[in-house]
Amino acid sequence: MPEDYILNEHNKEEFPPAHTAEHLLNQLMQRMFGCERSRNAHIERKKSKISYIVDRKPDRKDERDIEQAMNELIEQDMPVTFEYVTRAELEGIIMDAAPDSPDSRLSLERLPDDASETIRLVRIGDYDVCPCIGKHVRSTSQIGRFELLGTNWDEINKSFRIRFKVV
Protein backbone atom coordinates (compact mmCIF):
# COMPACT_ATOMS: atom_id res chain seq x y z
CA MET A 1 0.00 0.00 0.00
CA PRO A 2 1.52 3.40 -0.90
CA GLU A 3 2.83 5.44 2.02
CA ASP A 4 0.86 8.50 0.90
CA TYR A 5 -2.46 6.62 0.82
CA ILE A 6 -4.89 8.44 3.12
CA LEU A 7 -6.76 6.04 5.38
CA ASN A 8 -8.39 8.73 7.51
CA GLU A 9 -8.23 12.49 7.70
CA HIS A 10 -5.45 13.58 10.03
CA ASN A 11 -5.59 16.99 11.67
CA LYS A 12 -2.06 17.14 13.09
CA GLU A 13 1.39 17.79 11.72
CA GLU A 14 3.57 15.85 14.14
CA PHE A 15 7.23 16.40 14.83
CA PRO A 16 8.27 12.80 14.00
CA PRO A 17 11.02 12.40 16.65
CA ALA A 18 8.74 13.56 19.49
CA HIS A 19 5.77 11.60 18.16
CA THR A 20 7.82 8.41 17.97
CA ALA A 21 9.10 9.09 21.50
CA GLU A 22 5.45 9.32 22.56
CA HIS A 23 4.92 5.74 21.34
CA LEU A 24 7.95 4.52 23.32
CA LEU A 25 6.85 6.42 26.42
CA ASN A 26 3.34 4.99 26.21
CA GLN A 27 4.68 1.43 26.15
CA LEU A 28 7.22 2.17 28.89
CA MET A 29 4.52 3.57 31.17
CA GLN A 30 2.31 0.55 30.49
CA ARG A 31 5.17 -1.74 31.50
CA MET A 32 6.34 0.29 34.51
CA PHE A 33 2.97 1.25 35.98
CA GLY A 34 0.42 -1.08 34.38
CA CYS A 35 -1.53 1.90 33.04
CA GLU A 36 -3.21 2.52 29.70
CA ARG A 37 -1.63 4.48 26.87
CA SER A 38 -2.16 8.20 27.32
CA ARG A 39 -5.43 9.75 26.22
CA ASN A 40 -4.11 13.25 26.85
CA ALA A 41 -0.98 14.19 24.92
CA HIS A 42 0.24 17.46 23.43
CA ILE A 43 3.33 16.61 21.38
CA GLU A 44 5.38 19.49 19.95
CA ARG A 45 8.86 20.21 18.62
CA LYS A 46 10.02 22.34 21.59
CA LYS A 47 8.17 20.76 24.52
CA SER A 48 5.63 17.98 24.90
CA LYS A 49 3.15 17.07 27.61
CA ILE A 50 1.55 13.70 28.19
CA SER A 51 -0.59 12.38 31.05
CA TYR A 52 -1.21 8.92 32.45
CA ILE A 53 -3.67 7.60 35.00
CA VAL A 54 -1.62 5.59 37.52
CA ASP A 55 -2.47 4.14 40.91
CA ARG A 56 0.26 5.96 42.84
CA LYS A 57 2.35 9.09 42.62
CA PRO A 58 5.65 8.26 40.91
CA ASP A 59 8.63 9.38 42.98
CA ARG A 60 11.89 11.01 41.88
CA LYS A 61 13.53 7.62 41.38
CA ASP A 62 10.68 6.62 39.06
CA GLU A 63 11.22 9.85 37.11
CA ARG A 64 14.95 9.14 36.74
CA ASP A 65 14.15 5.56 35.72
CA ILE A 66 11.70 6.79 33.05
CA GLU A 67 14.28 9.15 31.55
CA GLN A 68 17.05 6.54 31.66
CA ALA A 69 14.86 3.80 30.17
CA MET A 70 13.67 6.09 27.38
CA ASN A 71 17.24 6.92 26.38
CA GLU A 72 18.21 3.26 26.50
CA LEU A 73 15.28 2.40 24.22
CA ILE A 74 16.22 5.18 21.82
CA GLU A 75 19.86 3.99 21.71
CA GLN A 76 18.73 0.48 20.71
CA ASP A 77 18.12 1.88 17.22
CA MET A 78 14.93 -0.15 16.80
CA PRO A 79 13.31 0.04 13.36
CA VAL A 80 9.99 1.83 13.05
CA THR A 81 7.85 -0.03 10.55
CA PHE A 82 4.28 0.08 9.27
CA GLU A 83 1.84 -2.72 8.63
CA TYR A 84 -1.59 -2.38 7.04
CA VAL A 85 -4.31 -4.69 8.35
CA THR A 86 -8.07 -4.91 8.20
CA ARG A 87 -10.15 -4.68 11.36
CA ALA A 88 -10.73 -8.45 11.19
CA GLU A 89 -7.00 -9.12 10.84
CA LEU A 90 -6.33 -6.80 13.80
CA GLU A 91 -8.79 -8.79 15.92
CA GLY A 92 -6.90 -11.95 14.94
CA ILE A 93 -3.55 -10.40 15.86
CA ILE A 94 -4.93 -9.46 19.29
CA MET A 95 -6.44 -12.91 19.89
CA ASP A 96 -3.28 -14.76 18.80
CA ALA A 97 -0.86 -12.55 20.76
CA ALA A 98 1.26 -13.93 23.58
CA PRO A 99 0.09 -12.41 26.90
CA ASP A 100 3.31 -10.45 27.45
CA SER A 101 3.73 -9.18 23.88
CA PRO A 102 2.92 -5.63 22.73
CA ASP A 103 0.31 -7.13 20.36
CA SER A 104 -1.68 -8.31 23.39
CA ARG A 105 -2.25 -4.65 24.36
CA LEU A 106 -3.74 -3.67 21.01
CA SER A 107 -7.40 -2.70 21.10
CA LEU A 108 -10.10 -1.69 18.67
CA GLU A 109 -11.80 0.35 21.43
CA ARG A 110 -9.66 3.43 20.93
CA LEU A 111 -10.13 3.69 17.19
CA PRO A 112 -12.32 6.62 16.14
CA ASP A 113 -15.86 5.71 15.13
CA ASP A 114 -15.12 6.79 11.55
CA ALA A 115 -11.85 4.83 11.25
CA SER A 116 -11.41 3.12 7.91
CA GLU A 117 -11.61 -0.65 7.45
CA THR A 118 -7.85 -0.67 6.82
CA ILE A 119 -5.75 0.19 9.87
CA ARG A 120 -2.08 1.20 9.86
CA LEU A 121 -0.10 -0.35 12.69
CA VAL A 122 3.15 1.32 13.71
CA ARG A 123 5.71 -1.11 15.15
CA ILE A 124 8.83 -0.09 17.02
CA GLY A 125 11.01 -3.18 16.91
CA ASP A 126 9.49 -5.84 19.15
CA TYR A 127 8.84 -3.22 21.83
CA ASP A 128 5.63 -1.44 20.79
CA VAL A 129 2.78 -1.60 18.32
CA CYS A 130 -0.08 0.85 17.99
CA PRO A 131 -2.64 1.90 15.39
CA CYS A 132 -1.51 5.33 14.19
CA ILE A 133 -1.66 7.48 11.07
CA GLY A 134 0.94 10.04 12.20
CA LYS A 135 4.50 10.67 11.04
CA HIS A 136 7.41 8.81 12.61
CA VAL A 137 11.19 8.49 12.31
CA ARG A 138 12.64 5.40 10.57
CA SER A 139 14.52 4.16 13.65
CA THR A 140 14.63 5.12 17.30
CA SER A 141 18.18 6.49 17.12
CA GLN A 142 16.76 9.34 15.00
CA ILE A 143 14.74 10.55 18.00
CA GLY A 144 17.75 12.06 19.73
CA ARG A 145 18.01 12.36 23.51
CA PHE A 146 14.90 12.27 25.72
CA GLU A 147 14.92 14.93 28.44
CA LEU A 148 12.32 14.83 31.19
CA LEU A 149 11.62 18.49 31.95
CA GLY A 150 9.27 18.00 34.87
CA THR A 151 6.17 16.29 36.17
CA ASN A 152 2.91 17.10 37.92
CA TRP A 153 0.72 14.88 40.06
CA ASP A 154 -3.04 15.29 40.43
CA GLU A 155 -3.97 13.23 43.50
CA ILE A 156 -7.72 13.47 42.95
CA ASN A 157 -7.63 12.15 39.39
CA LYS A 158 -4.48 10.02 39.88
CA SER A 159 -3.07 11.76 36.82
CA PHE A 160 0.69 11.90 36.28
CA ARG A 161 1.74 14.49 33.69
CA ILE A 162 5.18 14.30 32.11
CA ARG A 163 6.76 17.25 30.31
CA PHE A 164 9.61 16.32 27.99
CA LYS A 165 11.56 17.30 24.92
CA VAL A 166 13.76 15.44 22.50
CA VAL A 167 17.09 17.01 21.57
C-alpha atoms as a PDB file:
ATOM      1  CA  MET A   1       0.000   0.000   0.000  1.00  0.00           C
ATOM      2  CA  PRO A   2       1.518   3.396  -0.903  1.00  0.00           C
ATOM      3  CA  GLU A   3       2.828   5.442   2.021  1.00  0.00           C
ATOM      4  CA  ASP A   4       0.856   8.497   0.903  1.00  0.00           C
ATOM      5  CA  TYR A   5      -2.462   6.615   0.820  1.00  0.00           C
ATOM      6  CA  ILE A   6      -4.893   8.443   3.116  1.00  0.00           C
ATOM      7  CA  LEU A   7      -6.759   6.036   5.377  1.00  0.00           C
ATOM      8  CA  ASN A   8      -8.394   8.728   7.507  1.00  0.00           C
ATOM      9  CA  GLU A   9      -8.228  12.486   7.699  1.00  0.00           C
ATOM     10  CA  HIS A  10      -5.448  13.584  10.032  1.00  0.00           C
ATOM     11  CA  ASN A  11      -5.593  16.986  11.673  1.00  0.00           C
ATOM     12  CA  LYS A  12      -2.063  17.137  13.095  1.00  0.00           C
ATOM     13  CA  GLU A  13       1.391  17.793  11.715  1.00  0.00           C
ATOM     14  CA  GLU A  14       3.571  15.849  14.139  1.00  0.00           C
ATOM     15  CA  PHE A  15       7.234  16.396  14.827  1.00  0.00           C
ATOM     16  CA  PRO A  16       8.268  12.800  13.997  1.00  0.00           C
ATOM     17  CA  PRO A  17      11.023  12.403  16.651  1.00  0.00           C
ATOM     18  CA  ALA A  18       8.744  13.557  19.490  1.00  0.00           C
ATOM     19  CA  HIS A  19       5.766  11.605  18.159  1.00  0.00           C
ATOM     20  CA  THR A  20       7.820   8.410  17.970  1.00  0.00           C
ATOM     21  CA  ALA A  21       9.104   9.086  21.500  1.00  0.00           C
ATOM     22  CA  GLU A  22       5.447   9.316  22.555  1.00  0.00           C
ATOM     23  CA  HIS A  23       4.922   5.738  21.340  1.00  0.00           C
ATOM     24  CA  LEU A  24       7.952   4.520  23.317  1.00  0.00           C
ATOM     25  CA  LEU A  25       6.855   6.419  26.425  1.00  0.00           C
ATOM     26  CA  ASN A  26       3.335   4.985  26.212  1.00  0.00           C
ATOM     27  CA  GLN A  27       4.684   1.433  26.145  1.00  0.00           C
ATOM     28  CA  LEU A  28       7.223   2.166  28.891  1.00  0.00           C
ATOM     29  CA  MET A  29       4.521   3.569  31.171  1.00  0.00           C
ATOM     30  CA  GLN A  30       2.312   0.552  30.493  1.00  0.00           C
ATOM     31  CA  ARG A  31       5.168  -1.738  31.497  1.00  0.00           C
ATOM     32  CA  MET A  32       6.345   0.291  34.514  1.00  0.00           C
ATOM     33  CA  PHE A  33       2.969   1.245  35.982  1.00  0.00           C
ATOM     34  CA  GLY A  34       0.419  -1.083  34.377  1.00  0.00           C
ATOM     35  CA  CYS A  35      -1.531   1.902  33.040  1.00  0.00           C
ATOM     36  CA  GLU A  36      -3.210   2.524  29.697  1.00  0.00           C
ATOM     37  CA  ARG A  37      -1.626   4.484  26.870  1.00  0.00           C
ATOM     38  CA  SER A  38      -2.158   8.200  27.325  1.00  0.00           C
ATOM     39  CA  ARG A  39      -5.429   9.748  26.219  1.00  0.00           C
ATOM     40  CA  ASN A  40      -4.115  13.250  26.845  1.00  0.00           C
ATOM     41  CA  ALA A  41      -0.976  14.194  24.918  1.00  0.00           C
ATOM     42  CA  HIS A  42       0.241  17.456  23.426  1.00  0.00           C
ATOM     43  CA  ILE A  43       3.334  16.608  21.380  1.00  0.00           C
ATOM     44  CA  GLU A  44       5.382  19.486  19.947  1.00  0.00           C
ATOM     45  CA  ARG A  45       8.859  20.210  18.622  1.00  0.00           C
ATOM     46  CA  LYS A  46      10.018  22.343  21.591  1.00  0.00           C
ATOM     47  CA  LYS A  47       8.168  20.764  24.519  1.00  0.00           C
ATOM     48  CA  SER A  48       5.635  17.981  24.899  1.00  0.00           C
ATOM     49  CA  LYS A  49       3.149  17.068  27.615  1.00  0.00           C
ATOM     50  CA  ILE A  50       1.549  13.697  28.188  1.00  0.00           C
ATOM     51  CA  SER A  51      -0.587  12.382  31.048  1.00  0.00           C
ATOM     52  CA  TYR A  52      -1.205   8.922  32.447  1.00  0.00           C
ATOM     53  CA  ILE A  53      -3.674   7.598  34.999  1.00  0.00           C
ATOM     54  CA  VAL A  54      -1.623   5.594  37.520  1.00  0.00           C
ATOM     55  CA  ASP A  55      -2.471   4.137  40.914  1.00  0.00           C
ATOM     56  CA  ARG A  56       0.258   5.965  42.841  1.00  0.00           C
ATOM     57  CA  LYS A  57       2.347   9.088  42.619  1.00  0.00           C
ATOM     58  CA  PRO A  58       5.645   8.262  40.914  1.00  0.00           C
ATOM     59  CA  ASP A  59       8.628   9.382  42.984  1.00  0.00           C
ATOM     60  CA  ARG A  60      11.893  11.011  41.876  1.00  0.00           C
ATOM     61  CA  LYS A  61      13.534   7.618  41.381  1.00  0.00           C
ATOM     62  CA  ASP A  62      10.676   6.621  39.056  1.00  0.00           C
ATOM     63  CA  GLU A  63      11.220   9.854  37.109  1.00  0.00           C
ATOM     64  CA  ARG A  64      14.947   9.140  36.739  1.00  0.00           C
ATOM     65  CA  ASP A  65      14.154   5.559  35.719  1.00  0.00           C
ATOM     66  CA  ILE A  66      11.702   6.787  33.052  1.00  0.00           C
ATOM     67  CA  GLU A  67      14.284   9.153  31.553  1.00  0.00           C
ATOM     68  CA  GLN A  68      17.050   6.540  31.665  1.00  0.00           C
ATOM     69  CA  ALA A  69      14.861   3.803  30.171  1.00  0.00           C
ATOM     70  CA  MET A  70      13.671   6.089  27.384  1.00  0.00           C
ATOM     71  CA  ASN A  71      17.235   6.924  26.384  1.00  0.00           C
ATOM     72  CA  GLU A  72      18.213   3.256  26.504  1.00  0.00           C
ATOM     73  CA  LEU A  73      15.284   2.398  24.225  1.00  0.00           C
ATOM     74  CA  ILE A  74      16.219   5.179  21.819  1.00  0.00           C
ATOM     75  CA  GLU A  75      19.856   3.989  21.715  1.00  0.00           C
ATOM     76  CA  GLN A  76      18.728   0.477  20.713  1.00  0.00           C
ATOM     77  CA  ASP A  77      18.116   1.884  17.218  1.00  0.00           C
ATOM     78  CA  MET A  78      14.932  -0.151  16.801  1.00  0.00           C
ATOM     79  CA  PRO A  79      13.312   0.037  13.362  1.00  0.00           C
ATOM     80  CA  VAL A  80       9.986   1.835  13.053  1.00  0.00           C
ATOM     81  CA  THR A  81       7.847  -0.035  10.545  1.00  0.00           C
ATOM     82  CA  PHE A  82       4.279   0.078   9.271  1.00  0.00           C
ATOM     83  CA  GLU A  83       1.842  -2.720   8.632  1.00  0.00           C
ATOM     84  CA  TYR A  84      -1.586  -2.378   7.043  1.00  0.00           C
ATOM     85  CA  VAL A  85      -4.308  -4.695   8.347  1.00  0.00           C
ATOM     86  CA  THR A  86      -8.073  -4.914   8.203  1.00  0.00           C
ATOM     87  CA  ARG A  87     -10.150  -4.681  11.363  1.00  0.00           C
ATOM     88  CA  ALA A  88     -10.729  -8.451  11.190  1.00  0.00           C
ATOM     89  CA  GLU A  89      -6.996  -9.117  10.837  1.00  0.00           C
ATOM     90  CA  LEU A  90      -6.333  -6.799  13.803  1.00  0.00           C
ATOM     91  CA  GLU A  91      -8.794  -8.788  15.919  1.00  0.00           C
ATOM     92  CA  GLY A  92      -6.904 -11.954  14.943  1.00  0.00           C
ATOM     93  CA  ILE A  93      -3.545 -10.396  15.860  1.00  0.00           C
ATOM     94  CA  ILE A  94      -4.926  -9.456  19.289  1.00  0.00           C
ATOM     95  CA  MET A  95      -6.437 -12.910  19.893  1.00  0.00           C
ATOM     96  CA  ASP A  96      -3.276 -14.761  18.799  1.00  0.00           C
ATOM     97  CA  ALA A  97      -0.860 -12.551  20.763  1.00  0.00           C
ATOM     98  CA  ALA A  98       1.259 -13.933  23.576  1.00  0.00           C
ATOM     99  CA  PRO A  99       0.093 -12.415  26.901  1.00  0.00           C
ATOM    100  CA  ASP A 100       3.313 -10.449  27.449  1.00  0.00           C
ATOM    101  CA  SER A 101       3.727  -9.181  23.881  1.00  0.00           C
ATOM    102  CA  PRO A 102       2.922  -5.627  22.735  1.00  0.00           C
ATOM    103  CA  ASP A 103       0.309  -7.127  20.361  1.00  0.00           C
ATOM    104  CA  SER A 104      -1.680  -8.313  23.392  1.00  0.00           C
ATOM    105  CA  ARG A 105      -2.245  -4.654  24.360  1.00  0.00           C
ATOM    106  CA  LEU A 106      -3.744  -3.670  21.007  1.00  0.00           C
ATOM    107  CA  SER A 107      -7.398  -2.701  21.102  1.00  0.00           C
ATOM    108  CA  LEU A 108     -10.102  -1.685  18.670  1.00  0.00           C
ATOM    109  CA  GLU A 109     -11.805   0.348  21.427  1.00  0.00           C
ATOM    110  CA  ARG A 110      -9.664   3.430  20.933  1.00  0.00           C
ATOM    111  CA  LEU A 111     -10.125   3.687  17.189  1.00  0.00           C
ATOM    112  CA  PRO A 112     -12.317   6.616  16.139  1.00  0.00           C
ATOM    113  CA  ASP A 113     -15.865   5.709  15.128  1.00  0.00           C
ATOM    114  CA  ASP A 114     -15.123   6.790  11.549  1.00  0.00           C
ATOM    115  CA  ALA A 115     -11.847   4.831  11.250  1.00  0.00           C
ATOM    116  CA  SER A 116     -11.411   3.115   7.910  1.00  0.00           C
ATOM    117  CA  GLU A 117     -11.613  -0.653   7.447  1.00  0.00           C
ATOM    118  CA  THR A 118      -7.849  -0.675   6.820  1.00  0.00           C
ATOM    119  CA  ILE A 119      -5.746   0.185   9.867  1.00  0.00           C
ATOM    120  CA  ARG A 120      -2.083   1.197   9.864  1.00  0.00           C
ATOM    121  CA  LEU A 121      -0.097  -0.352  12.694  1.00  0.00           C
ATOM    122  CA  VAL A 122       3.150   1.322  13.709  1.00  0.00           C
ATOM    123  CA  ARG A 123       5.705  -1.105  15.151  1.00  0.00           C
ATOM    124  CA  ILE A 124       8.829  -0.091  17.015  1.00  0.00           C
ATOM    125  CA  GLY A 125      11.013  -3.178  16.911  1.00  0.00           C
ATOM    126  CA  ASP A 126       9.488  -5.838  19.149  1.00  0.00           C
ATOM    127  CA  TYR A 127       8.836  -3.216  21.832  1.00  0.00           C
ATOM    128  CA  ASP A 128       5.632  -1.440  20.792  1.00  0.00           C
ATOM    129  CA  VAL A 129       2.784  -1.602  18.320  1.00  0.00           C
ATOM    130  CA  CYS A 130      -0.079   0.853  17.994  1.00  0.00           C
ATOM    131  CA  PRO A 131      -2.645   1.902  15.385  1.00  0.00           C
ATOM    132  CA  CYS A 132      -1.509   5.330  14.189  1.00  0.00           C
ATOM    133  CA  ILE A 133      -1.658   7.477  11.067  1.00  0.00           C
ATOM    134  CA  GLY A 134       0.942  10.042  12.200  1.00  0.00           C
ATOM    135  CA  LYS A 135       4.504  10.674  11.040  1.00  0.00           C
ATOM    136  CA  HIS A 136       7.414   8.807  12.614  1.00  0.00           C
ATOM    137  CA  VAL A 137      11.187   8.494  12.311  1.00  0.00           C
ATOM    138  CA  ARG A 138      12.635   5.402  10.570  1.00  0.00           C
ATOM    139  CA  SER A 139      14.519   4.159  13.649  1.00  0.00           C
ATOM    140  CA  THR A 140      14.634   5.119  17.296  1.00  0.00           C
ATOM    141  CA  SER A 141      18.177   6.485  17.117  1.00  0.00           C
ATOM    142  CA  GLN A 142      16.762   9.341  15.005  1.00  0.00           C
ATOM    143  CA  ILE A 143      14.741  10.547  17.998  1.00  0.00           C
ATOM    144  CA  GLY A 144      17.749  12.064  19.726  1.00  0.00           C
ATOM    145  CA  ARG A 145      18.013  12.361  23.508  1.00  0.00           C
ATOM    146  CA  PHE A 146      14.904  12.272  25.716  1.00  0.00           C
ATOM    147  CA  GLU A 147      14.917  14.935  28.443  1.00  0.00           C
ATOM    148  CA  LEU A 148      12.316  14.827  31.185  1.00  0.00           C
ATOM    149  CA  LEU A 149      11.615  18.493  31.946  1.00  0.00           C
ATOM    150  CA  GLY A 150       9.271  18.001  34.873  1.00  0.00           C
ATOM    151  CA  THR A 151       6.169  16.286  36.170  1.00  0.00           C
ATOM    152  CA  ASN A 152       2.911  17.103  37.919  1.00  0.00           C
ATOM    153  CA  TRP A 153       0.718  14.885  40.058  1.00  0.00           C
ATOM    154  CA  ASP A 154      -3.039  15.286  40.435  1.00  0.00           C
ATOM    155  CA  GLU A 155      -3.971  13.227  43.497  1.00  0.00           C
ATOM    156  CA  ILE A 156      -7.717  13.472  42.950  1.00  0.00           C
ATOM    157  CA  ASN A 157      -7.630  12.151  39.386  1.00  0.00           C
ATOM    158  CA  LYS A 158      -4.484  10.023  39.882  1.00  0.00           C
ATOM    159  CA  SER A 159      -3.068  11.763  36.820  1.00  0.00           C
ATOM    160  CA  PHE A 160       0.685  11.900  36.283  1.00  0.00           C
ATOM    161  CA  ARG A 161       1.738  14.494  33.692  1.00  0.00           C
ATOM    162  CA  ILE A 162       5.182  14.304  32.112  1.00  0.00           C
ATOM    163  CA  ARG A 163       6.764  17.246  30.307  1.00  0.00           C
ATOM    164  CA  PHE A 164       9.610  16.319  27.992  1.00  0.00           C
ATOM    165  CA  LYS A 165      11.564  17.297  24.925  1.00  0.00           C
ATOM    166  CA  VAL A 166      13.762  15.444  22.496  1.00  0.00           C
ATOM    167  CA  VAL A 167      17.091  17.007  21.572  1.00  0.00           C
END
